[in-house]
């Protein structure tokens, strides 16, 4: 084997073609609504972690569980990267008519790209939070929120942070 790239070989690199059953696919006996996605800080140094909070509300008539998923997208990268990458998920039980506020931490190393070494790069990123992948088409309604954040500084090897 001479070509070790993953492009065209795994769902993360298929381009515009969506996977048949993406991560988190499935139906529920209730419905959920996401709101108040907050990224803190919205501008962070290249080696810093990102704090994320989002409110999940069970808008249905039954208690239910939701798999809350966070995906990261690089807006510009010096090397090929996935369309988006799963950086966190959590299964959450929510009683009917109730809501919970969830907190996540996206580590700097989760933004690293491989360029002969793991590197952190400055730039603009988009974080998605929801019950499915961004742009996923399913029969079960589930919204995906998004927010942008910026990373400042100069590119550097991950091991130097």
N, C-alpha and C. Protein backbone atom coordinates (compact mmCIF):
# COMPACT_ATOMS: atom_id res chain seq x y z
N UNK A 1 0.85 -1.18 0.00
CA UNK A 1 0.00 0.00 0.00
C UNK A 1 0.89 1.23 0.00
N UNK A 2 0.60 2.14 -0.90
CA UNK A 2 1.43 3.33 -1.02
C UNK A 2 0.72 4.62 -0.59
N UNK A 3 -0.60 4.60 -0.62
CA UNK A 3 -1.37 5.79 -0.31
C UNK A 3 -2.05 5.60 1.05
N UNK A 4 -1.57 6.32 2.06
CA UNK A 4 -2.09 6.16 3.41
C UNK A 4 -3.12 7.23 3.78
N UNK A 5 -3.50 8.09 2.88
CA UNK A 5 -4.50 9.10 3.22
C UNK A 5 -5.84 8.43 3.45
N UNK A 6 -6.68 9.05 4.23
CA UNK A 6 -8.00 8.49 4.51
C UNK A 6 -9.07 9.09 3.60
N UNK A 7 -8.68 9.97 2.70
CA UNK A 7 -9.63 10.64 1.82
C UNK A 7 -10.36 9.62 0.96
N UNK A 8 -11.71 9.65 1.00
CA UNK A 8 -12.52 8.73 0.23
C UNK A 8 -12.63 7.35 0.83
N UNK A 9 -12.05 7.12 2.03
CA UNK A 9 -12.06 5.78 2.63
C UNK A 9 -12.82 5.68 3.94
N UNK A 10 -13.17 6.78 4.51
CA UNK A 10 -13.93 6.77 5.76
C UNK A 10 -14.90 7.95 5.71
N UNK A 11 -16.02 7.82 6.43
CA UNK A 11 -17.08 8.82 6.32
C UNK A 11 -16.61 10.24 6.62
N UNK A 12 -15.57 10.40 7.42
CA UNK A 12 -15.09 11.75 7.75
C UNK A 12 -14.53 12.47 6.53
N UNK A 13 -14.16 11.73 5.49
CA UNK A 13 -13.49 12.33 4.34
C UNK A 13 -14.25 12.09 3.03
N UNK A 14 -15.52 11.73 3.06
CA UNK A 14 -16.25 11.41 1.84
C UNK A 14 -16.60 12.62 1.00
N UNK A 15 -16.36 13.80 1.48
CA UNK A 15 -16.72 14.99 0.72
C UNK A 15 -18.19 15.31 0.94
N UNK A 16 -18.95 15.40 -0.13
CA UNK A 16 -20.35 15.78 -0.02
C UNK A 16 -21.28 14.60 0.22
N UNK A 17 -20.80 13.37 0.06
CA UNK A 17 -21.65 12.19 0.24
C UNK A 17 -21.80 11.89 1.73
N UNK A 18 -23.04 11.81 2.20
CA UNK A 18 -23.31 11.56 3.62
C UNK A 18 -23.34 10.06 3.89
N UNK A 19 -22.93 9.63 5.08
CA UNK A 19 -23.00 8.21 5.43
C UNK A 19 -24.45 7.77 5.58
N UNK A 20 -24.73 6.50 5.34
CA UNK A 20 -26.09 5.99 5.45
C UNK A 20 -26.59 6.05 6.90
N UNK A 21 -25.77 5.61 7.86
CA UNK A 21 -26.13 5.64 9.27
C UNK A 21 -25.03 6.34 10.05
N UNK A 22 -25.09 7.66 10.16
CA UNK A 22 -24.04 8.40 10.86
C UNK A 22 -24.10 8.19 12.36
N UNK A 23 -23.02 8.58 13.04
CA UNK A 23 -22.95 8.47 14.48
C UNK A 23 -24.15 9.17 15.12
N UNK A 24 -24.79 8.50 16.08
CA UNK A 24 -25.93 9.09 16.77
C UNK A 24 -27.25 8.89 16.07
N UNK A 25 -27.28 8.14 14.96
CA UNK A 25 -28.51 7.94 14.21
C UNK A 25 -29.50 7.12 15.03
N UNK A 26 -30.75 7.48 14.98
CA UNK A 26 -31.78 6.71 15.67
C UNK A 26 -33.00 7.55 15.95
N UNK A 27 -34.02 6.91 16.45
CA UNK A 27 -35.28 7.58 16.75
C UNK A 27 -35.50 7.59 18.25
N UNK A 28 -36.37 8.48 18.71
CA UNK A 28 -36.67 8.61 20.12
C UNK A 28 -38.18 8.69 20.29
N UNK A 29 -38.65 8.45 21.51
CA UNK A 29 -40.07 8.57 21.80
C UNK A 29 -40.43 9.98 22.26
N UNK A 30 -39.50 10.89 22.21
CA UNK A 30 -39.75 12.26 22.63
C UNK A 30 -38.98 13.21 21.71
N UNK A 31 -39.10 14.49 21.94
CA UNK A 31 -38.40 15.47 21.12
C UNK A 31 -37.56 16.37 22.02
N UNK A 32 -36.48 16.90 21.45
CA UNK A 32 -35.57 17.74 22.21
C UNK A 32 -35.34 19.04 21.46
N UNK A 33 -35.01 20.07 22.22
CA UNK A 33 -34.65 21.37 21.64
C UNK A 33 -33.36 21.83 22.29
N UNK A 34 -32.46 22.32 21.45
CA UNK A 34 -31.18 22.87 21.92
C UNK A 34 -31.25 24.39 21.87
N UNK A 35 -30.63 25.04 22.85
CA UNK A 35 -30.56 26.50 22.83
C UNK A 35 -29.39 26.98 23.69
N UNK A 36 -29.10 28.25 23.56
CA UNK A 36 -28.08 28.92 24.38
C UNK A 36 -26.72 28.25 24.32
N UNK A 37 -26.20 28.05 23.11
CA UNK A 37 -24.84 27.54 22.95
C UNK A 37 -23.88 28.68 23.24
N UNK A 38 -22.99 28.48 24.22
CA UNK A 38 -22.04 29.52 24.63
C UNK A 38 -20.63 28.94 24.58
N UNK A 39 -19.73 29.65 23.90
CA UNK A 39 -18.32 29.28 23.83
C UNK A 39 -17.53 30.31 24.62
N UNK A 40 -16.64 29.82 25.49
CA UNK A 40 -15.89 30.75 26.34
C UNK A 40 -14.44 30.29 26.46
N UNK A 41 -13.52 31.17 26.18
CA UNK A 41 -13.69 32.50 25.58
C UNK A 41 -13.88 32.36 24.07
N UNK A 42 -14.52 33.34 23.42
CA UNK A 42 -14.72 33.28 21.97
C UNK A 42 -13.44 33.49 21.18
N UNK A 43 -12.43 34.08 21.81
CA UNK A 43 -11.10 34.23 21.21
C UNK A 43 -10.11 33.68 22.23
N UNK A 44 -9.32 32.68 21.83
CA UNK A 44 -8.41 32.06 22.79
C UNK A 44 -7.03 31.88 22.20
N UNK A 45 -6.00 31.82 23.05
CA UNK A 45 -4.64 31.58 22.59
C UNK A 45 -4.51 30.17 22.02
N UNK A 46 -3.50 29.96 21.20
CA UNK A 46 -3.34 28.71 20.46
C UNK A 46 -3.29 27.47 21.37
N UNK A 47 -2.77 27.56 22.58
CA UNK A 47 -2.65 26.40 23.46
C UNK A 47 -3.79 26.27 24.47
N UNK A 48 -4.78 27.13 24.42
CA UNK A 48 -5.85 27.14 25.43
C UNK A 48 -6.98 26.18 25.09
N UNK A 49 -7.71 25.78 26.13
CA UNK A 49 -8.89 24.95 25.98
C UNK A 49 -10.12 25.83 25.84
N UNK A 50 -11.19 25.26 25.28
CA UNK A 50 -12.44 25.98 25.07
C UNK A 50 -13.51 25.40 25.98
N UNK A 51 -14.22 26.26 26.70
CA UNK A 51 -15.35 25.82 27.52
C UNK A 51 -16.63 26.01 26.73
N UNK A 52 -17.52 25.03 26.82
CA UNK A 52 -18.75 25.04 26.04
C UNK A 52 -19.92 24.73 26.97
N UNK A 53 -21.01 25.47 26.81
CA UNK A 53 -22.24 25.13 27.52
C UNK A 53 -23.40 25.20 26.54
N UNK A 54 -24.40 24.36 26.77
CA UNK A 54 -25.59 24.33 25.92
C UNK A 54 -26.76 23.84 26.79
N UNK A 55 -27.94 24.34 26.49
CA UNK A 55 -29.14 23.92 27.21
C UNK A 55 -29.90 22.94 26.33
N UNK A 56 -30.28 21.80 26.94
CA UNK A 56 -31.06 20.77 26.26
C UNK A 56 -32.41 20.66 26.94
N UNK A 57 -33.47 20.81 26.17
CA UNK A 57 -34.83 20.78 26.72
C UNK A 57 -35.60 19.62 26.11
N UNK A 58 -36.27 18.83 26.96
CA UNK A 58 -37.15 17.77 26.49
C UNK A 58 -38.52 18.39 26.25
N UNK A 59 -38.88 18.59 24.99
CA UNK A 59 -40.14 19.26 24.65
C UNK A 59 -41.28 18.27 24.42
N UNK A 60 -41.00 16.99 24.62
CA UNK A 60 -42.02 15.96 24.39
C UNK A 60 -42.83 15.63 25.62
N UNK A 61 -43.69 14.62 25.47
CA UNK A 61 -44.59 14.19 26.54
C UNK A 61 -43.99 13.06 27.39
N UNK A 62 -42.85 12.53 26.99
CA UNK A 62 -42.24 11.40 27.69
C UNK A 62 -40.82 11.71 28.12
N UNK A 63 -40.38 11.06 29.19
CA UNK A 63 -38.98 11.14 29.58
C UNK A 63 -38.15 10.52 28.45
N UNK A 64 -36.93 11.00 28.29
CA UNK A 64 -36.12 10.43 27.22
C UNK A 64 -34.64 10.68 27.43
N UNK A 65 -33.85 10.02 26.59
CA UNK A 65 -32.40 10.20 26.59
C UNK A 65 -31.97 10.74 25.24
N UNK A 66 -30.99 11.61 25.28
CA UNK A 66 -30.44 12.21 24.05
C UNK A 66 -28.93 12.06 24.11
N UNK A 67 -28.33 11.78 22.96
CA UNK A 67 -26.88 11.77 22.86
C UNK A 67 -26.47 13.13 22.30
N UNK A 68 -25.97 13.99 23.18
CA UNK A 68 -25.53 15.33 22.79
C UNK A 68 -24.14 15.20 22.18
N UNK A 69 -23.97 15.75 20.98
CA UNK A 69 -22.72 15.60 20.24
C UNK A 69 -22.13 16.97 19.92
N UNK A 70 -20.82 17.09 20.08
CA UNK A 70 -20.10 18.31 19.70
C UNK A 70 -19.15 17.97 18.56
N UNK A 71 -19.22 18.74 17.48
CA UNK A 71 -18.34 18.56 16.33
C UNK A 71 -17.57 19.85 16.09
N UNK A 72 -16.34 19.70 15.63
CA UNK A 72 -15.46 20.82 15.35
C UNK A 72 -15.17 20.87 13.86
N UNK A 73 -15.21 22.07 13.28
CA UNK A 73 -14.82 22.26 11.88
C UNK A 73 -13.74 23.33 11.80
N UNK A 74 -12.68 23.01 11.10
CA UNK A 74 -11.62 23.98 10.81
C UNK A 74 -12.08 24.78 9.61
N UNK A 75 -12.07 26.10 9.70
CA UNK A 75 -12.48 26.90 8.54
C UNK A 75 -11.36 26.96 7.51
N UNK A 76 -10.11 27.00 7.95
CA UNK A 76 -8.95 26.98 7.05
C UNK A 76 -7.85 26.24 7.78
N UNK A 77 -7.24 25.30 7.10
CA UNK A 77 -6.16 24.54 7.71
C UNK A 77 -5.04 24.39 6.69
N UNK A 78 -3.82 24.26 7.16
CA UNK A 78 -2.69 24.12 6.25
C UNK A 78 -2.59 22.73 5.64
N UNK A 79 -3.34 21.77 6.21
CA UNK A 79 -3.34 20.39 5.72
C UNK A 79 -4.79 19.92 5.58
N UNK A 80 -5.04 18.86 4.81
CA UNK A 80 -6.42 18.35 4.71
C UNK A 80 -6.93 17.86 6.07
N UNK A 81 -8.16 18.21 6.38
CA UNK A 81 -8.80 17.81 7.64
C UNK A 81 -10.21 17.32 7.32
N UNK A 82 -10.84 16.60 8.25
CA UNK A 82 -12.22 16.16 8.02
C UNK A 82 -13.16 17.35 7.87
N UNK A 83 -14.34 17.10 7.26
CA UNK A 83 -15.36 18.16 7.18
C UNK A 83 -15.69 18.66 8.57
N UNK A 84 -15.84 17.75 9.51
CA UNK A 84 -16.01 18.06 10.92
C UNK A 84 -15.57 16.83 11.71
N UNK A 85 -15.24 17.05 12.96
CA UNK A 85 -14.73 15.96 13.78
C UNK A 85 -15.45 15.94 15.12
N UNK A 86 -15.89 14.76 15.54
CA UNK A 86 -16.51 14.61 16.84
C UNK A 86 -15.47 14.88 17.93
N UNK A 87 -15.76 15.83 18.83
CA UNK A 87 -14.82 16.16 19.90
C UNK A 87 -15.38 15.86 21.29
N UNK A 88 -16.69 15.63 21.40
CA UNK A 88 -17.28 15.28 22.69
C UNK A 88 -18.69 14.76 22.46
N UNK A 89 -19.12 13.89 23.35
CA UNK A 89 -20.52 13.46 23.35
C UNK A 89 -20.89 12.99 24.75
N UNK A 90 -22.17 13.03 25.03
CA UNK A 90 -22.65 12.61 26.35
C UNK A 90 -24.11 12.17 26.21
N UNK A 91 -24.45 11.02 26.78
CA UNK A 91 -25.84 10.57 26.83
C UNK A 91 -26.47 11.20 28.07
N UNK A 92 -27.61 11.87 27.87
CA UNK A 92 -28.24 12.63 28.94
C UNK A 92 -29.71 12.22 29.05
N UNK A 93 -30.14 11.88 30.25
CA UNK A 93 -31.55 11.60 30.51
C UNK A 93 -32.23 12.90 30.95
N UNK A 94 -33.36 13.22 30.30
CA UNK A 94 -34.09 14.45 30.62
C UNK A 94 -35.56 14.10 30.80
N UNK A 95 -36.14 14.51 31.92
CA UNK A 95 -37.56 14.27 32.17
C UNK A 95 -38.41 15.12 31.22
N UNK A 96 -39.60 14.64 30.92
CA UNK A 96 -40.51 15.36 30.03
C UNK A 96 -40.77 16.77 30.56
N UNK A 97 -40.66 17.76 29.67
CA UNK A 97 -40.92 19.14 30.03
C UNK A 97 -39.80 19.82 30.81
N UNK A 98 -38.70 19.14 31.04
CA UNK A 98 -37.59 19.71 31.81
C UNK A 98 -36.43 20.05 30.89
N UNK A 99 -35.45 20.75 31.45
CA UNK A 99 -34.25 21.09 30.69
C UNK A 99 -33.02 20.92 31.58
N UNK A 100 -31.88 20.73 30.93
CA UNK A 100 -30.60 20.63 31.64
C UNK A 100 -29.58 21.49 30.91
N UNK A 101 -28.68 22.06 31.68
CA UNK A 101 -27.57 22.81 31.11
C UNK A 101 -26.34 21.93 31.19
N UNK A 102 -25.70 21.72 30.05
CA UNK A 102 -24.56 20.83 29.96
C UNK A 102 -23.29 21.62 29.74
N UNK A 103 -22.20 21.13 30.32
CA UNK A 103 -20.90 21.78 30.19
C UNK A 103 -19.90 20.78 29.60
N UNK A 104 -19.11 21.26 28.65
CA UNK A 104 -18.08 20.46 27.99
C UNK A 104 -16.78 21.25 27.97
N UNK A 105 -15.69 20.53 27.79
CA UNK A 105 -14.38 21.14 27.61
C UNK A 105 -13.80 20.58 26.31
N UNK A 106 -13.46 21.46 25.38
CA UNK A 106 -12.79 21.05 24.15
C UNK A 106 -11.31 21.38 24.34
N UNK A 107 -10.49 20.35 24.40
CA UNK A 107 -9.06 20.52 24.68
C UNK A 107 -8.32 21.02 23.45
N UNK A 108 -7.26 21.74 23.68
CA UNK A 108 -6.44 22.26 22.59
C UNK A 108 -5.97 21.12 21.68
N UNK A 109 -5.62 19.99 22.25
CA UNK A 109 -5.12 18.87 21.45
C UNK A 109 -6.17 18.35 20.47
N UNK A 110 -7.44 18.61 20.73
CA UNK A 110 -8.49 18.18 19.79
C UNK A 110 -8.55 19.07 18.55
N UNK A 111 -7.87 20.20 18.58
CA UNK A 111 -7.76 21.07 17.41
C UNK A 111 -6.48 20.81 16.63
N UNK A 112 -5.64 19.91 17.10
CA UNK A 112 -4.35 19.66 16.45
C UNK A 112 -4.54 19.00 15.08
N UNK A 113 -3.66 19.35 14.17
CA UNK A 113 -3.65 18.76 12.83
C UNK A 113 -2.30 18.05 12.63
N UNK A 114 -2.31 17.04 11.78
CA UNK A 114 -1.08 16.30 11.53
C UNK A 114 -0.36 16.90 10.33
N UNK A 115 0.83 17.42 10.55
CA UNK A 115 1.67 17.97 9.48
C UNK A 115 3.11 17.54 9.79
N UNK A 116 3.39 16.24 9.65
CA UNK A 116 4.66 15.62 10.03
C UNK A 116 4.87 15.61 11.54
N UNK A 117 3.96 16.23 12.27
CA UNK A 117 3.96 16.30 13.72
C UNK A 117 2.60 16.89 14.09
N UNK A 118 2.10 16.63 15.30
CA UNK A 118 0.85 17.25 15.71
C UNK A 118 1.09 18.73 15.97
N UNK A 119 0.32 19.57 15.26
CA UNK A 119 0.49 21.02 15.36
C UNK A 119 -0.84 21.68 15.70
N UNK A 120 -0.72 22.78 16.44
CA UNK A 120 -1.87 23.66 16.70
C UNK A 120 -1.71 24.88 15.81
N UNK A 121 -2.80 25.27 15.16
CA UNK A 121 -2.76 26.40 14.24
C UNK A 121 -3.78 27.45 14.66
N UNK A 122 -3.45 28.71 14.45
CA UNK A 122 -4.45 29.76 14.69
C UNK A 122 -5.48 29.75 13.57
N UNK A 123 -6.58 30.42 13.80
CA UNK A 123 -7.60 30.51 12.76
C UNK A 123 -8.99 30.57 13.34
N UNK A 124 -9.95 30.40 12.46
CA UNK A 124 -11.36 30.41 12.84
C UNK A 124 -11.90 28.99 12.80
N UNK A 125 -12.71 28.66 13.79
CA UNK A 125 -13.29 27.33 13.92
C UNK A 125 -14.78 27.47 14.14
N UNK A 126 -15.53 26.44 13.77
CA UNK A 126 -16.96 26.39 14.07
C UNK A 126 -17.20 25.17 14.94
N UNK A 127 -17.96 25.35 16.01
CA UNK A 127 -18.33 24.25 16.89
C UNK A 127 -19.83 24.02 16.72
N UNK A 128 -20.21 22.76 16.53
CA UNK A 128 -21.62 22.38 16.37
C UNK A 128 -22.04 21.58 17.59
N UNK A 129 -23.25 21.81 18.08
CA UNK A 129 -23.80 21.06 19.21
C UNK A 129 -25.22 20.64 18.86
N UNK A 130 -25.51 19.35 19.03
CA UNK A 130 -26.85 18.87 18.72
C UNK A 130 -26.95 17.37 18.92
N UNK A 131 -28.07 16.83 18.49
CA UNK A 131 -28.34 15.41 18.63
C UNK A 131 -27.93 14.62 17.41
N UNK A 132 -27.24 15.24 16.49
CA UNK A 132 -26.79 14.57 15.27
C UNK A 132 -25.64 15.35 14.66
N UNK A 133 -25.10 14.81 13.56
CA UNK A 133 -24.03 15.51 12.86
C UNK A 133 -24.58 16.75 12.16
N UNK A 134 -23.75 17.73 11.89
CA UNK A 134 -24.19 18.88 11.11
C UNK A 134 -24.70 18.43 9.75
N UNK A 135 -25.78 19.01 9.29
CA UNK A 135 -26.36 18.75 7.97
C UNK A 135 -26.88 17.33 7.79
N UNK A 136 -27.04 16.59 8.88
CA UNK A 136 -27.56 15.22 8.77
C UNK A 136 -29.04 15.25 8.47
N UNK A 137 -29.48 14.39 7.59
CA UNK A 137 -30.89 14.32 7.25
C UNK A 137 -31.46 13.01 7.83
N UNK A 138 -32.39 13.16 8.79
CA UNK A 138 -33.02 12.00 9.39
C UNK A 138 -34.51 12.23 9.45
N UNK A 139 -35.25 11.17 9.76
CA UNK A 139 -36.69 11.31 9.93
C UNK A 139 -37.03 11.92 11.29
N UNK A 140 -36.13 11.80 12.25
CA UNK A 140 -36.35 12.38 13.58
C UNK A 140 -35.82 13.80 13.60
N UNK A 141 -36.65 14.78 13.94
CA UNK A 141 -36.15 16.15 13.96
C UNK A 141 -35.17 16.37 15.10
N UNK A 142 -34.07 16.98 14.79
CA UNK A 142 -33.08 17.33 15.81
C UNK A 142 -32.27 18.48 15.26
N UNK A 143 -32.26 19.56 15.98
CA UNK A 143 -31.55 20.73 15.49
C UNK A 143 -30.08 20.68 15.90
N UNK A 144 -29.27 21.36 15.16
CA UNK A 144 -27.85 21.46 15.48
C UNK A 144 -27.52 22.95 15.54
N UNK A 145 -27.01 23.39 16.68
CA UNK A 145 -26.60 24.78 16.85
C UNK A 145 -25.14 24.91 16.45
N UNK A 146 -24.74 26.11 16.06
CA UNK A 146 -23.33 26.34 15.74
C UNK A 146 -22.89 27.70 16.25
N UNK A 147 -21.61 27.79 16.55
CA UNK A 147 -21.01 29.05 16.98
C UNK A 147 -19.55 29.02 16.55
N UNK A 148 -19.02 30.20 16.26
CA UNK A 148 -17.63 30.31 15.83
C UNK A 148 -16.77 30.82 16.96
N UNK A 149 -15.50 30.41 16.91
CA UNK A 149 -14.51 30.96 17.82
C UNK A 149 -13.20 31.09 17.06
N UNK A 150 -12.32 31.91 17.60
CA UNK A 150 -11.04 32.17 16.95
C UNK A 150 -9.89 31.77 17.86
N UNK A 151 -8.82 31.33 17.22
CA UNK A 151 -7.60 30.98 17.94
C UNK A 151 -6.51 31.93 17.45
N UNK A 152 -5.83 32.58 18.38
CA UNK A 152 -4.80 33.56 18.03
C UNK A 152 -3.41 33.01 18.37
N UNK A 153 -2.41 33.63 17.81
CA UNK A 153 -1.03 33.23 18.07
C UNK A 153 -0.40 32.69 16.80
N UNK A 154 0.70 31.98 16.96
CA UNK A 154 1.39 31.39 15.82
C UNK A 154 1.30 29.87 15.91
N UNK A 155 1.36 29.21 14.77
CA UNK A 155 1.33 27.75 14.73
C UNK A 155 2.51 27.20 15.52
N UNK A 156 2.26 26.11 16.24
CA UNK A 156 3.34 25.53 17.04
C UNK A 156 3.06 24.05 17.25
N UNK A 157 4.11 23.27 17.49
CA UNK A 157 3.93 21.85 17.79
C UNK A 157 3.11 21.67 19.07
N UNK A 158 2.23 20.69 19.06
CA UNK A 158 1.39 20.42 20.22
C UNK A 158 2.23 20.14 21.46
N UNK A 159 3.33 19.46 21.31
CA UNK A 159 4.18 19.08 22.46
C UNK A 159 4.78 20.27 23.18
N UNK A 160 4.76 21.46 22.56
CA UNK A 160 5.32 22.64 23.21
C UNK A 160 4.31 23.41 24.05
N UNK A 161 3.08 22.95 24.08
CA UNK A 161 2.05 23.64 24.88
C UNK A 161 2.02 23.12 26.30
